[in-house]
Amino acid sequence: MNASAPAQSPAAPRPAADAIPGRIRAKASPRPGTWISAVIVALLALALVNFLVTNEVFDWGTVATYLLDVKVVQGVGWTLLITVLSMLIGTIVALTAAIMRRSENPVLRGVSWAYIFVFRGTPVYTQLVFWGLFTVIVPKLAIGVPFGPELLALETRDYFPAFWAAVIGLALNEGAYLAEIIRSGLNSVDKGQTEASKALGMSSPKILRRIVLPQAMRVIVPPLGNETIGMLKTTSLVLAVPFTLDLTFASNAIANKLYAPIPLLIVAAIWYLAITSVLMVGQHYLERYFGRGFDDRPDSSAKTGRRSRQAAVNRASTTPKDSLPEVEL
């Protein structure tokens, strides 16, 4: 029995689709409704653009003048700082509360449930007002013997400015919502993962850090990103503390001086939209990173690499069209 491989020859060009006998040339059925809807939407969009451009109330010249104003840019910086610190503290508090909710100790579960119940059940504006009055409610913090002399006393107004009142108020409110998000993410990980880790001798903190949390992040990241964007916009309520350096207050202060509220509202809206766009891009990449192995969509970079390698192999003409050798009996 002899086997001989066919001689390698350049790949013949593929016949056109029309030249293949018996090939059905299918055409999509016309859909006039789609085109009519597209025309209507395009006309409405043009009308909206014309309204925004020609309406003198918007005063785009004032918008361009104050878009990069020093006070406005400083307000953007303070807003970003409050957002980042509030989310960091809130995430730590939420993770602690979520772990307490999963604890077997009824005291820890009860305290966590009470915290979530109170801070989710009251408006954030009301909470910020209370935190603004914290120095009145608690004028000083004292350390000493119970029912005895004080060893150290601190005036809260000296160590608790409006900035930290705003950050802590927003963080504790956000932590109550994030606690449920994190708890649902932790519960999404199969219990067999924890049992297998314990069988390998891993401690509970190490199991949480190495096994459970990395898998739970796939569920946690999307709502966490939404909460971060919501926190950015919630910073506009810190006037209740009162904190008067954020973006909303800075733009309102300029508007009151110019008697032009609408252009300065547009300035604030443009900045919020710009920051939100950056956060959405970051959320997208985080979701793709933690969704590896779970996402149905193939990795675009890996797919591109495979295609380029295969294209290079095809151009080299080193592989015959029929990869199986001919066998003569």
C-alpha atoms as a PDB file:
ATOM      1  CA  MET A   1       0.000   0.000   0.000  1.00  0.00           C
ATOM      2  CA  ASN A   2       1.578   3.255  -1.174  1.00  0.00           C
ATOM      3  CA  ALA A   3       0.670   6.738  -0.015  1.00  0.00           C
ATOM      4  CA  SER A   4       1.589   9.825  -1.966  1.00  0.00           C
ATOM      5  CA  ALA A   5       0.777  13.434  -1.103  1.00  0.00           C
ATOM      6  CA  PRO A   6      -0.542  15.663  -3.874  1.00  0.00           C
ATOM      7  CA  ALA A   7       1.803  18.233  -5.346  1.00  0.00           C
ATOM      8  CA  GLN A   8       1.547  21.603  -3.708  1.00  0.00           C
ATOM      9  CA  SER A   9       0.110  24.246  -5.963  1.00  0.00           C
ATOM     10  CA  PRO A  10      -1.135  27.789  -5.432  1.00  0.00           C
ATOM     11  CA  ALA A  11      -4.699  27.930  -4.211  1.00  0.00           C
ATOM     12  CA  ALA A  12      -7.155  28.385  -7.065  1.00  0.00           C
ATOM     13  CA  PRO A  13      -9.444  31.416  -6.846  1.00  0.00           C
ATOM     14  CA  ARG A  14     -12.893  30.749  -5.485  1.00  0.00           C
ATOM     15  CA  PRO A  15     -15.739  30.988  -7.979  1.00  0.00           C
ATOM     16  CA  ALA A  16     -18.096  33.869  -7.541  1.00  0.00           C
ATOM     17  CA  ALA A  17     -21.381  33.237  -5.784  1.00  0.00           C
ATOM     18  CA  ASP A  18     -23.294  33.886  -9.013  1.00  0.00           C
ATOM     19  CA  ALA A  19     -21.198  31.277 -10.911  1.00  0.00           C
ATOM     20  CA  ILE A  20     -22.092  28.406  -8.552  1.00  0.00           C
ATOM     21  CA  PRO A  21     -24.848  26.364 -10.213  1.00  0.00           C
ATOM     22  CA  GLY A  22     -27.986  25.944  -8.166  1.00  0.00           C
ATOM     23  CA  ARG A  23     -26.987  28.682  -5.712  1.00  0.00           C
ATOM     24  CA  ILE A  24     -30.004  30.534  -4.349  1.00  0.00           C
ATOM     25  CA  ARG A  25     -29.636  34.309  -4.347  1.00  0.00           C
ATOM     26  CA  ALA A  26     -31.762  35.291  -1.371  1.00  0.00           C
ATOM     27  CA  LYS A  27     -32.753  38.918  -0.887  1.00  0.00           C
ATOM     28  CA  ALA A  28     -33.972  40.475   2.301  1.00  0.00           C
ATOM     29  CA  SER A  29     -37.621  41.419   2.253  1.00  0.00           C
ATOM     30  CA  PRO A  30     -38.216  45.170   2.102  1.00  0.00           C
ATOM     31  CA  ARG A  31     -39.005  46.842   5.395  1.00  0.00           C
ATOM     32  CA  PRO A  32     -40.418  50.289   4.693  1.00  0.00           C
ATOM     33  CA  GLY A  33     -41.426  50.750   8.306  1.00  0.00           C
ATOM     34  CA  THR A  34     -37.785  50.727   9.409  1.00  0.00           C
ATOM     35  CA  TRP A  35     -36.818  53.430   6.934  1.00  0.00           C
ATOM     36  CA  ILE A  36     -39.842  55.559   7.767  1.00  0.00           C
ATOM     37  CA  SER A  37     -38.995  55.324  11.481  1.00  0.00           C
ATOM     38  CA  ALA A  38     -35.365  56.245  10.750  1.00  0.00           C
ATOM     39  CA  VAL A  39     -36.445  59.328   8.768  1.00  0.00           C
ATOM     40  CA  ILE A  40     -38.803  60.445  11.544  1.00  0.00           C
ATOM     41  CA  VAL A  41     -36.111  59.996  14.219  1.00  0.00           C
ATOM     42  CA  ALA A  42     -33.551  61.866  12.084  1.00  0.00           C
ATOM     43  CA  LEU A  43     -35.965  64.790  11.585  1.00  0.00           C
ATOM     44  CA  LEU A  44     -36.686  64.948  15.313  1.00  0.00           C
ATOM     45  CA  ALA A  45     -32.960  64.885  16.082  1.00  0.00           C
ATOM     46  CA  LEU A  46     -32.320  67.729  13.620  1.00  0.00           C
ATOM     47  CA  ALA A  47     -35.159  69.727  15.147  1.00  0.00           C
ATOM     48  CA  LEU A  48     -33.666  69.219  18.616  1.00  0.00           C
ATOM     49  CA  VAL A  49     -30.202  70.312  17.438  1.00  0.00           C
ATOM     50  CA  ASN A  50     -31.705  73.389  15.776  1.00  0.00           C
ATOM     51  CA  PHE A  51     -33.583  74.220  18.990  1.00  0.00           C
ATOM     52  CA  LEU A  52     -30.414  73.916  21.100  1.00  0.00           C
ATOM     53  CA  VAL A  53     -28.330  76.018  18.709  1.00  0.00           C
ATOM     54  CA  THR A  54     -30.778  78.817  17.933  1.00  0.00           C
ATOM     55  CA  ASN A  55     -32.367  79.288  21.365  1.00  0.00           C
ATOM     56  CA  GLU A  56     -30.794  82.384  22.918  1.00  0.00           C
ATOM     57  CA  VAL A  57     -31.666  81.275  26.452  1.00  0.00           C
ATOM     58  CA  PHE A  58     -28.871  78.674  26.431  1.00  0.00           C
ATOM     59  CA  ASP A  59     -26.277  81.396  25.748  1.00  0.00           C
ATOM     60  CA  TRP A  60     -23.525  79.119  24.455  1.00  0.00           C
ATOM     61  CA  GLY A  61     -21.012  81.966  24.603  1.00  0.00           C
ATOM     62  CA  THR A  62     -21.345  82.090  28.397  1.00  0.00           C
ATOM     63  CA  VAL A  63     -21.117  78.303  28.511  1.00  0.00           C
ATOM     64  CA  ALA A  64     -17.819  78.370  26.598  1.00  0.00           C
ATOM     65  CA  THR A  65     -16.510  81.193  28.791  1.00  0.00           C
ATOM     66  CA  TYR A  66     -17.123  79.471  32.133  1.00  0.00           C
ATOM     67  CA  LEU A  67     -16.565  75.842  31.110  1.00  0.00           C
ATOM     68  CA  LEU A  68     -12.910  76.070  32.194  1.00  0.00           C
ATOM     69  CA  ASP A  69     -13.359  78.706  34.866  1.00  0.00           C
ATOM     70  CA  VAL A  70     -11.031  78.308  37.857  1.00  0.00           C
ATOM     71  CA  LYS A  71     -13.875  77.914  40.363  1.00  0.00           C
ATOM     72  CA  VAL A  72     -15.616  75.368  38.158  1.00  0.00           C
ATOM     73  CA  VAL A  73     -12.455  73.302  37.648  1.00  0.00           C
ATOM     74  CA  GLN A  74     -11.755  73.392  41.382  1.00  0.00           C
ATOM     75  CA  GLY A  75     -15.327  72.240  41.969  1.00  0.00           C
ATOM     76  CA  VAL A  76     -14.707  69.315  39.610  1.00  0.00           C
ATOM     77  CA  GLY A  77     -11.628  68.365  41.632  1.00  0.00           C
ATOM     78  CA  TRP A  78     -13.483  68.469  44.945  1.00  0.00           C
ATOM     79  CA  THR A  79     -16.362  66.474  43.452  1.00  0.00           C
ATOM     80  CA  LEU A  80     -13.992  63.766  42.221  1.00  0.00           C
ATOM     81  CA  LEU A  81     -12.190  63.654  45.570  1.00  0.00           C
ATOM     82  CA  ILE A  82     -15.451  63.256  47.501  1.00  0.00           C
ATOM     83  CA  THR A  83     -16.617  60.558  45.066  1.00  0.00           C
ATOM     84  CA  VAL A  84     -13.406  58.510  45.307  1.00  0.00           C
ATOM     85  CA  LEU A  85     -13.103  58.715  49.106  1.00  0.00           C
ATOM     86  CA  SER A  86     -16.793  57.991  49.658  1.00  0.00           C
ATOM     87  CA  MET A  87     -16.696  54.936  47.404  1.00  0.00           C
ATOM     88  CA  LEU A  88     -13.509  53.597  49.013  1.00  0.00           C
ATOM     89  CA  ILE A  89     -14.837  53.955  52.561  1.00  0.00           C
ATOM     90  CA  GLY A  90     -18.294  52.779  51.512  1.00  0.00           C
ATOM     91  CA  THR A  91     -16.877  49.659  49.838  1.00  0.00           C
ATOM     92  CA  ILE A  92     -14.894  48.733  52.951  1.00  0.00           C
ATOM     93  CA  VAL A  93     -17.953  49.263  55.157  1.00  0.00           C
ATOM     94  CA  ALA A  94     -20.127  47.307  52.722  1.00  0.00           C
ATOM     95  CA  LEU A  95     -17.742  44.355  52.583  1.00  0.00           C
ATOM     96  CA  THR A  96     -17.656  44.243  56.384  1.00  0.00           C
ATOM     97  CA  ALA A  97     -21.449  44.442  56.613  1.00  0.00           C
ATOM     98  CA  ALA A  98     -21.885  41.738  53.941  1.00  0.00           C
ATOM     99  CA  ILE A  99     -19.534  39.367  55.782  1.00  0.00           C
ATOM    100  CA  MET A 100     -21.399  40.077  59.023  1.00  0.00           C
ATOM    101  CA  ARG A 101     -24.699  39.260  57.314  1.00  0.00           C
ATOM    102  CA  ARG A 102     -23.258  35.873  56.332  1.00  0.00           C
ATOM    103  CA  SER A 103     -21.931  35.196  59.829  1.00  0.00           C
ATOM    104  CA  GLU A 104     -23.323  32.438  62.050  1.00  0.00           C
ATOM    105  CA  ASN A 105     -23.284  34.825  65.018  1.00  0.00           C
ATOM    106  CA  PRO A 106     -26.783  36.330  65.499  1.00  0.00           C
ATOM    107  CA  VAL A 107     -25.368  39.517  67.075  1.00  0.00           C
ATOM    108  CA  LEU A 108     -23.229  40.274  64.016  1.00  0.00           C
ATOM    109  CA  ARG A 109     -26.129  39.507  61.690  1.00  0.00           C
ATOM    110  CA  GLY A 110     -28.470  41.721  63.711  1.00  0.00           C
ATOM    111  CA  VAL A 111     -26.098  44.697  63.804  1.00  0.00           C
ATOM    112  CA  SER A 112     -25.472  44.431  60.070  1.00  0.00           C
ATOM    113  CA  TRP A 113     -29.200  44.179  59.321  1.00  0.00           C
ATOM    114  CA  ALA A 114     -29.954  47.211  61.526  1.00  0.00           C
ATOM    115  CA  TYR A 115     -27.278  49.302  59.814  1.00  0.00           C
ATOM    116  CA  ILE A 116     -28.564  48.421  56.348  1.00  0.00           C
ATOM    117  CA  PHE A 117     -32.179  48.997  57.413  1.00  0.00           C
ATOM    118  CA  VAL A 118     -31.540  52.467  58.842  1.00  0.00           C
ATOM    119  CA  PHE A 119     -29.272  53.849  56.120  1.00  0.00           C
ATOM    120  CA  ARG A 120     -31.310  52.423  53.245  1.00  0.00           C
ATOM    121  CA  GLY A 121     -34.592  53.508  54.784  1.00  0.00           C
ATOM    122  CA  THR A 122     -33.803  57.222  55.258  1.00  0.00           C
ATOM    123  CA  PRO A 123     -33.075  59.822  52.544  1.00  0.00           C
ATOM    124  CA  VAL A 124     -29.434  60.656  51.918  1.00  0.00           C
ATOM    125  CA  TYR A 125     -30.215  64.383  52.223  1.00  0.00           C
ATOM    126  CA  THR A 126     -31.556  63.832  55.741  1.00  0.00           C
ATOM    127  CA  GLN A 127     -28.472  61.831  56.671  1.00  0.00           C
ATOM    128  CA  LEU A 128     -26.185  64.590  55.372  1.00  0.00           C
ATOM    129  CA  VAL A 129     -28.042  67.165  57.462  1.00  0.00           C
ATOM    130  CA  PHE A 130     -27.479  65.029  60.567  1.00  0.00           C
ATOM    131  CA  TRP A 131     -23.784  64.672  59.760  1.00  0.00           C
ATOM    132  CA  GLY A 132     -23.585  68.425  59.293  1.00  0.00           C
ATOM    133  CA  LEU A 133     -24.990  68.820  62.800  1.00  0.00           C
ATOM    134  CA  PHE A 134     -22.681  66.171  64.262  1.00  0.00           C
ATOM    135  CA  THR A 135     -20.545  68.795  66.008  1.00  0.00           C
ATOM    136  CA  VAL A 136     -23.713  70.112  67.689  1.00  0.00           C
ATOM    137  CA  ILE A 137     -25.007  66.673  68.645  1.00  0.00           C
ATOM    138  CA  VAL A 138     -21.595  65.504  69.869  1.00  0.00           C
ATOM    139  CA  PRO A 139     -19.642  68.656  70.852  1.00  0.00           C
ATOM    140  CA  LYS A 140     -16.667  66.703  72.193  1.00  0.00           C
ATOM    141  CA  LEU A 141     -15.209  63.220  72.396  1.00  0.00           C
ATOM    142  CA  ALA A 142     -13.806  62.249  75.773  1.00  0.00           C
ATOM    143  CA  ILE A 143     -11.629  59.336  76.890  1.00  0.00           C
ATOM    144  CA  GLY A 144     -11.483  58.489  80.572  1.00  0.00           C
ATOM    145  CA  VAL A 145     -12.742  56.318  83.389  1.00  0.00           C
ATOM    146  CA  PRO A 146     -16.450  55.438  83.104  1.00  0.00           C
ATOM    147  CA  PHE A 147     -18.426  57.680  85.458  1.00  0.00           C
ATOM    148  CA  GLY A 148     -15.077  59.159  86.512  1.00  0.00           C
ATOM    149  CA  PRO A 149     -12.574  61.780  85.438  1.00  0.00           C
ATOM    150  CA  GLU A 150     -11.794  62.518  81.798  1.00  0.00           C
ATOM    151  CA  LEU A 151      -8.267  61.793  80.634  1.00  0.00           C
ATOM    152  CA  LEU A 152      -8.546  63.301  77.140  1.00  0.00           C
ATOM    153  CA  ALA A 153     -11.215  65.471  75.523  1.00  0.00           C
ATOM    154  CA  LEU A 154     -11.374  66.598  71.885  1.00  0.00           C
ATOM    155  CA  GLU A 155     -13.605  69.261  70.384  1.00  0.00           C
ATOM    156  CA  THR A 156     -15.318  67.669  67.393  1.00  0.00           C
ATOM    157  CA  ARG A 157     -15.551  70.953  65.482  1.00  0.00           C
ATOM    158  CA  ASP A 158     -11.738  71.102  65.410  1.00  0.00           C
ATOM    159  CA  TYR A 159     -11.317  67.609  63.958  1.00  0.00           C
ATOM    160  CA  PHE A 160     -14.501  67.078  61.961  1.00  0.00           C
ATOM    161  CA  PRO A 161     -14.788  69.692  59.178  1.00  0.00           C
ATOM    162  CA  ALA A 162     -17.592  69.846  56.614  1.00  0.00           C
ATOM    163  CA  PHE A 163     -15.528  67.954  54.033  1.00  0.00           C
ATOM    164  CA  TRP A 164     -15.209  64.837  56.191  1.00  0.00           C
ATOM    165  CA  ALA A 165     -18.829  65.122  57.266  1.00  0.00           C
ATOM    166  CA  ALA A 166     -19.817  64.976  53.594  1.00  0.00           C
ATOM    167  CA  VAL A 167     -17.479  62.067  52.845  1.00  0.00           C
ATOM    168  CA  ILE A 168     -18.551  59.967  55.842  1.00  0.00           C
ATOM    169  CA  GLY A 169     -22.233  60.727  55.308  1.00  0.00           C
ATOM    170  CA  LEU A 170     -22.114  59.645  51.663  1.00  0.00           C
ATOM    171  CA  ALA A 171     -19.885  56.640  52.444  1.00  0.00           C
ATOM    172  CA  LEU A 172     -22.161  55.216  55.140  1.00  0.00           C
ATOM    173  CA  ASN A 173     -25.220  55.691  52.964  1.00  0.00           C
ATOM    174  CA  GLU A 174     -23.516  54.040  50.009  1.00  0.00           C
ATOM    175  CA  GLY A 175     -22.184  51.217  52.170  1.00  0.00           C
ATOM    176  CA  ALA A 176     -25.724  50.128  53.031  1.00  0.00           C
ATOM    177  CA  TYR A 177     -26.568  49.660  49.346  1.00  0.00           C
ATOM    178  CA  LEU A 178     -23.233  48.114  48.408  1.00  0.00           C
ATOM    179  CA  ALA A 179     -23.546  45.624  51.284  1.00  0.00           C
ATOM    180  CA  GLU A 180     -26.490  43.945  49.576  1.00  0.00           C
ATOM    181  CA  ILE A 181     -24.702  44.016  46.222  1.00  0.00           C
ATOM    182  CA  ILE A 182     -21.583  42.412  47.673  1.00  0.00           C
ATOM    183  CA  ARG A 183     -23.646  39.877  49.630  1.00  0.00           C
ATOM    184  CA  SER A 184     -25.436  38.797  46.440  1.00  0.00           C
ATOM    185  CA  GLY A 185     -22.078  38.495  44.681  1.00  0.00           C
ATOM    186  CA  LEU A 186     -20.635  36.345  47.465  1.00  0.00           C
ATOM    187  CA  ASN A 187     -23.731  34.147  47.428  1.00  0.00           C
ATOM    188  CA  SER A 188     -23.350  33.639  43.666  1.00  0.00           C
ATOM    189  CA  VAL A 189     -20.165  31.597  44.212  1.00  0.00           C
ATOM    190  CA  ASP A 190     -20.907  27.902  44.590  1.00  0.00           C
ATOM    191  CA  LYS A 191     -20.462  26.606  48.132  1.00  0.00           C
ATOM    192  CA  GLY A 192     -18.445  23.726  46.769  1.00  0.00           C
ATOM    193  CA  GLN A 193     -15.620  26.177  46.103  1.00  0.00           C
ATOM    194  CA  THR A 194     -15.412  26.996  49.810  1.00  0.00           C
ATOM    195  CA  GLU A 195     -15.703  23.362  50.864  1.00  0.00           C
ATOM    196  CA  ALA A 196     -12.941  22.313  48.471  1.00  0.00           C
ATOM    197  CA  SER A 197     -10.704  25.111  49.741  1.00  0.00           C
ATOM    198  CA  LYS A 198     -11.253  24.063  53.351  1.00  0.00           C
ATOM    199  CA  ALA A 199     -10.385  20.500  52.387  1.00  0.00           C
ATOM    200  CA  LEU A 200      -7.063  21.829  51.089  1.00  0.00           C
ATOM    201  CA  GLY A 201      -6.388  23.445  54.468  1.00  0.00           C
ATOM    202  CA  MET A 202      -6.962  27.082  53.498  1.00  0.00           C
ATOM    203  CA  SER A 203      -8.103  29.509  56.207  1.00  0.00           C
ATOM    204  CA  SER A 204     -11.399  31.392  55.937  1.00  0.00           C
ATOM    205  CA  PRO A 205      -9.803  34.824  55.224  1.00  0.00           C
ATOM    206  CA  LYS A 206      -7.618  33.276  52.544  1.00  0.00           C
ATOM    207  CA  ILE A 207     -10.597  31.497  50.973  1.00  0.00           C
ATOM    208  CA  LEU A 208     -12.483  34.789  50.858  1.00  0.00           C
ATOM    209  CA  ARG A 209      -9.526  36.662  49.376  1.00  0.00           C
ATOM    210  CA  ARG A 210      -8.249  34.047  46.921  1.00  0.00           C
ATOM    211  CA  ILE A 211     -11.312  31.999  45.952  1.00  0.00           C
ATOM    212  CA  VAL A 212     -14.636  33.697  46.647  1.00  0.00           C
ATOM    213  CA  LEU A 213     -14.015  37.394  45.952  1.00  0.00           C
ATOM    214  CA  PRO A 214     -12.325  36.971  42.531  1.00  0.00           C
ATOM    215  CA  GLN A 215     -15.300  34.950  41.318  1.00  0.00           C
ATOM    216  CA  ALA A 216     -17.868  37.213  42.966  1.00  0.00           C
ATOM    217  CA  MET A 217     -16.428  40.318  41.286  1.00  0.00           C
ATOM    218  CA  ARG A 218     -18.075  39.258  38.031  1.00  0.00           C
ATOM    219  CA  VAL A 219     -21.444  39.862  39.694  1.00  0.00           C
ATOM    220  CA  ILE A 220     -20.355  42.809  41.850  1.00  0.00           C
ATOM    221  CA  VAL A 221     -18.626  45.030  39.280  1.00  0.00           C
ATOM    222  CA  PRO A 222     -21.631  46.041  37.069  1.00  0.00           C
ATOM    223  CA  PRO A 223     -23.816  47.360  39.932  1.00  0.00           C
ATOM    224  CA  LEU A 224     -20.712  48.754  41.650  1.00  0.00           C
ATOM    225  CA  GLY A 225     -20.006  50.816  38.538  1.00  0.00           C
ATOM    226  CA  ASN A 226     -23.579  52.065  38.497  1.00  0.00           C
ATOM    227  CA  GLU A 227     -23.339  53.019  42.164  1.00  0.00           C
ATOM    228  CA  THR A 228     -20.103  54.925  41.490  1.00  0.00           C
ATOM    229  CA  ILE A 229     -21.794  56.944  38.768  1.00  0.00           C
ATOM    230  CA  GLY A 230     -24.716  57.542  41.110  1.00  0.00           C
ATOM    231  CA  MET A 231     -22.327  58.669  43.836  1.00  0.00           C
ATOM    232  CA  LEU A 232     -20.790  61.207  41.467  1.00  0.00           C
ATOM    233  CA  LYS A 233     -24.191  62.815  40.996  1.00  0.00           C
ATOM    234  CA  THR A 234     -25.177  62.468  44.657  1.00  0.00           C
ATOM    235  CA  THR A 235     -22.260  64.728  45.607  1.00  0.00           C
ATOM    236  CA  SER A 236     -24.451  67.613  44.446  1.00  0.00           C
ATOM    237  CA  LEU A 237     -26.345  67.211  47.760  1.00  0.00           C
ATOM    238  CA  VAL A 238     -23.367  67.950  50.016  1.00  0.00           C
ATOM    239  CA  LEU A 239     -24.687  71.504  50.394  1.00  0.00           C
ATOM    240  CA  ALA A 240     -26.821  69.992  53.170  1.00  0.00           C
ATOM    241  CA  VAL A 241     -23.695  69.528  55.353  1.00  0.00           C
ATOM    242  CA  PRO A 242     -22.935  72.322  54.281  1.00  0.00           C
ATOM    243  CA  PHE A 243     -19.938  71.846  51.970  1.00  0.00           C
ATOM    244  CA  THR A 244     -19.639  74.647  49.423  1.00  0.00           C
ATOM    245  CA  LEU A 245     -16.739  73.745  47.136  1.00  0.00           C
ATOM    246  CA  ASP A 246     -18.258  71.060  44.915  1.00  0.00           C
ATOM    247  CA  LEU A 247     -19.120  71.490  41.238  1.00  0.00           C
ATOM    248  CA  THR A 248     -22.832  72.144  41.712  1.00  0.00           C
ATOM    249  CA  PHE A 249     -22.340  74.861  44.320  1.00  0.00           C
ATOM    250  CA  ALA A 250     -19.515  76.497  42.331  1.00  0.00           C
ATOM    251  CA  SER A 251     -21.621  76.715  39.172  1.00  0.00           C
ATOM    252  CA  ASN A 252     -24.644  77.967  41.120  1.00  0.00           C
ATOM    253  CA  ALA A 253     -22.536  80.666  42.787  1.00  0.00           C
ATOM    254  CA  ILE A 254     -21.394  81.966  39.392  1.00  0.00           C
ATOM    255  CA  ALA A 255     -24.949  81.781  38.057  1.00  0.00           C
ATOM    256  CA  ASN A 256     -26.244  83.891  40.946  1.00  0.00           C
ATOM    257  CA  LYS A 257     -23.647  86.559  40.190  1.00  0.00           C
ATOM    258  CA  LEU A 258     -24.443  86.639  36.464  1.00  0.00           C
ATOM    259  CA  TYR A 259     -28.205  86.113  36.815  1.00  0.00           C
ATOM    260  CA  ALA A 260     -27.783  83.365  34.206  1.00  0.00           C
ATOM    261  CA  PRO A 261     -28.713  80.023  35.753  1.00  0.00           C
ATOM    262  CA  ILE A 262     -29.289  78.042  32.552  1.00  0.00           C
ATOM    263  CA  PRO A 263     -25.812  78.444  30.958  1.00  0.00           C
ATOM    264  CA  LEU A 264     -24.095  77.504  34.229  1.00  0.00           C
ATOM    265  CA  LEU A 265     -26.370  74.498  34.638  1.00  0.00           C
ATOM    266  CA  ILE A 266     -25.240  73.409  31.189  1.00  0.00           C
ATOM    267  CA  VAL A 267     -21.612  73.866  32.283  1.00  0.00           C
ATOM    268  CA  ALA A 268     -22.155  71.579  35.273  1.00  0.00           C
ATOM    269  CA  ALA A 269     -24.039  69.059  33.129  1.00  0.00           C
ATOM    270  CA  ILE A 270     -21.196  68.913  30.576  1.00  0.00           C
ATOM    271  CA  TRP A 271     -18.654  68.196  33.310  1.00  0.00           C
ATOM    272  CA  TYR A 272     -20.847  65.511  34.866  1.00  0.00           C
ATOM    273  CA  LEU A 273     -21.334  63.886  31.459  1.00  0.00           C
ATOM    274  CA  ALA A 274     -17.590  63.952  30.753  1.00  0.00           C
ATOM    275  CA  ILE A 275     -16.705  62.322  34.089  1.00  0.00           C
ATOM    276  CA  THR A 276     -19.501  59.784  33.717  1.00  0.00           C
ATOM    277  CA  SER A 277     -18.201  58.820  30.263  1.00  0.00           C
ATOM    278  CA  VAL A 278     -14.749  58.087  31.706  1.00  0.00           C
ATOM    279  CA  LEU A 279     -16.275  56.019  34.511  1.00  0.00           C
ATOM    280  CA  MET A 280     -18.358  54.029  32.026  1.00  0.00           C
ATOM    281  CA  VAL A 281     -15.253  53.193  29.995  1.00  0.00           C
ATOM    282  CA  GLY A 282     -13.464  52.019  33.142  1.00  0.00           C
ATOM    283  CA  GLN A 283     -16.483  49.942  34.132  1.00  0.00           C
ATOM    284  CA  HIS A 284     -16.485  48.292  30.695  1.00  0.00           C
ATOM    285  CA  TYR A 285     -12.868  47.151  31.011  1.00  0.00           C
ATOM    286  CA  LEU A 286     -13.378  45.955  34.580  1.00  0.00           C
ATOM    287  CA  GLU A 287     -16.396  43.902  33.531  1.00  0.00           C
ATOM    288  CA  ARG A 288     -14.428  42.364  30.678  1.00  0.00           C
ATOM    289  CA  TYR A 289     -11.505  41.561  32.983  1.00  0.00           C
ATOM    290  CA  PHE A 290     -13.533  39.866  35.708  1.00  0.00           C
ATOM    291  CA  GLY A 291     -15.878  38.227  33.170  1.00  0.00           C
ATOM    292  CA  ARG A 292     -13.132  36.153  31.567  1.00  0.00           C
ATOM    293  CA  GLY A 293     -14.267  32.584  31.159  1.00  0.00           C
ATOM    294  CA  PHE A 294     -17.922  33.489  31.779  1.00  0.00           C
ATOM    295  CA  ASP A 295     -18.636  35.882  28.917  1.00  0.00           C
ATOM    296  CA  ASP A 296     -20.079  34.240  25.807  1.00  0.00           C
ATOM    297  CA  ARG A 297     -18.288  36.717  23.556  1.00  0.00           C
ATOM    298  CA  PRO A 298     -14.766  35.674  22.524  1.00  0.00           C
ATOM    299  CA  ASP A 299     -11.807  37.770  23.501  1.00  0.00           C
ATOM    300  CA  SER A 300     -11.329  40.263  20.676  1.00  0.00           C
ATOM    301  CA  SER A 301      -7.549  40.462  21.053  1.00  0.00           C
ATOM    302  CA  ALA A 302      -7.142  36.681  21.062  1.00  0.00           C
ATOM    303  CA  LYS A 303      -9.516  36.355  18.103  1.00  0.00           C
ATOM    304  CA  THR A 304      -7.560  38.944  16.126  1.00  0.00           C
ATOM    305  CA  GLY A 305      -4.310  37.177  16.928  1.00  0.00           C
ATOM    306  CA  ARG A 306      -5.670  33.818  15.745  1.00  0.00           C
ATOM    307  CA  ARG A 307      -6.947  35.357  12.532  1.00  0.00           C
ATOM    308  CA  SER A 308      -3.629  37.068  11.775  1.00  0.00           C
ATOM    309  CA  ARG A 309      -1.662  33.859  12.384  1.00  0.00           C
ATOM    310  CA  GLN A 310      -4.026  31.836  10.181  1.00  0.00           C
ATOM    311  CA  ALA A 311      -3.854  34.447   7.444  1.00  0.00           C
ATOM    312  CA  ALA A 312      -0.048  34.270   7.504  1.00  0.00           C
ATOM    313  CA  VAL A 313      -0.177  30.468   7.189  1.00  0.00           C
ATOM    314  CA  ASN A 314      -2.572  30.700   4.238  1.00  0.00           C
ATOM    315  CA  ARG A 315      -0.365  33.249   2.467  1.00  0.00           C
ATOM    316  CA  ALA A 316       2.685  30.988   2.849  1.00  0.00           C
ATOM    317  CA  SER A 317       0.931  28.253   0.778  1.00  0.00           C
ATOM    318  CA  THR A 318       2.639  25.546   2.822  1.00  0.00           C
ATOM    319  CA  THR A 319      -0.573  23.663   3.581  1.00  0.00           C
ATOM    320  CA  PRO A 320      -2.315  21.756   0.748  1.00  0.00           C
ATOM    321  CA  LYS A 321      -5.995  22.224   0.162  1.00  0.00           C
ATOM    322  CA  ASP A 322      -6.581  18.576   0.888  1.00  0.00           C
ATOM    323  CA  SER A 323      -4.659  17.918   4.098  1.00  0.00           C
ATOM    324  CA  LEU A 324      -5.316  14.163   3.945  1.00  0.00           C
ATOM    325  CA  PRO A 325      -2.892  12.170   1.745  1.00  0.00           C
ATOM    326  CA  GLU A 326      -4.122  10.040  -1.129  1.00  0.00           C
ATOM    327  CA  VAL A 327      -3.985   6.331  -0.419  1.00  0.00           C
ATOM    328  CA  GLU A 328      -3.554   3.807  -3.223  1.00  0.00           C
ATOM    329  CA  LEU A 329      -4.616   0.235  -2.529  1.00  0.00           C
END
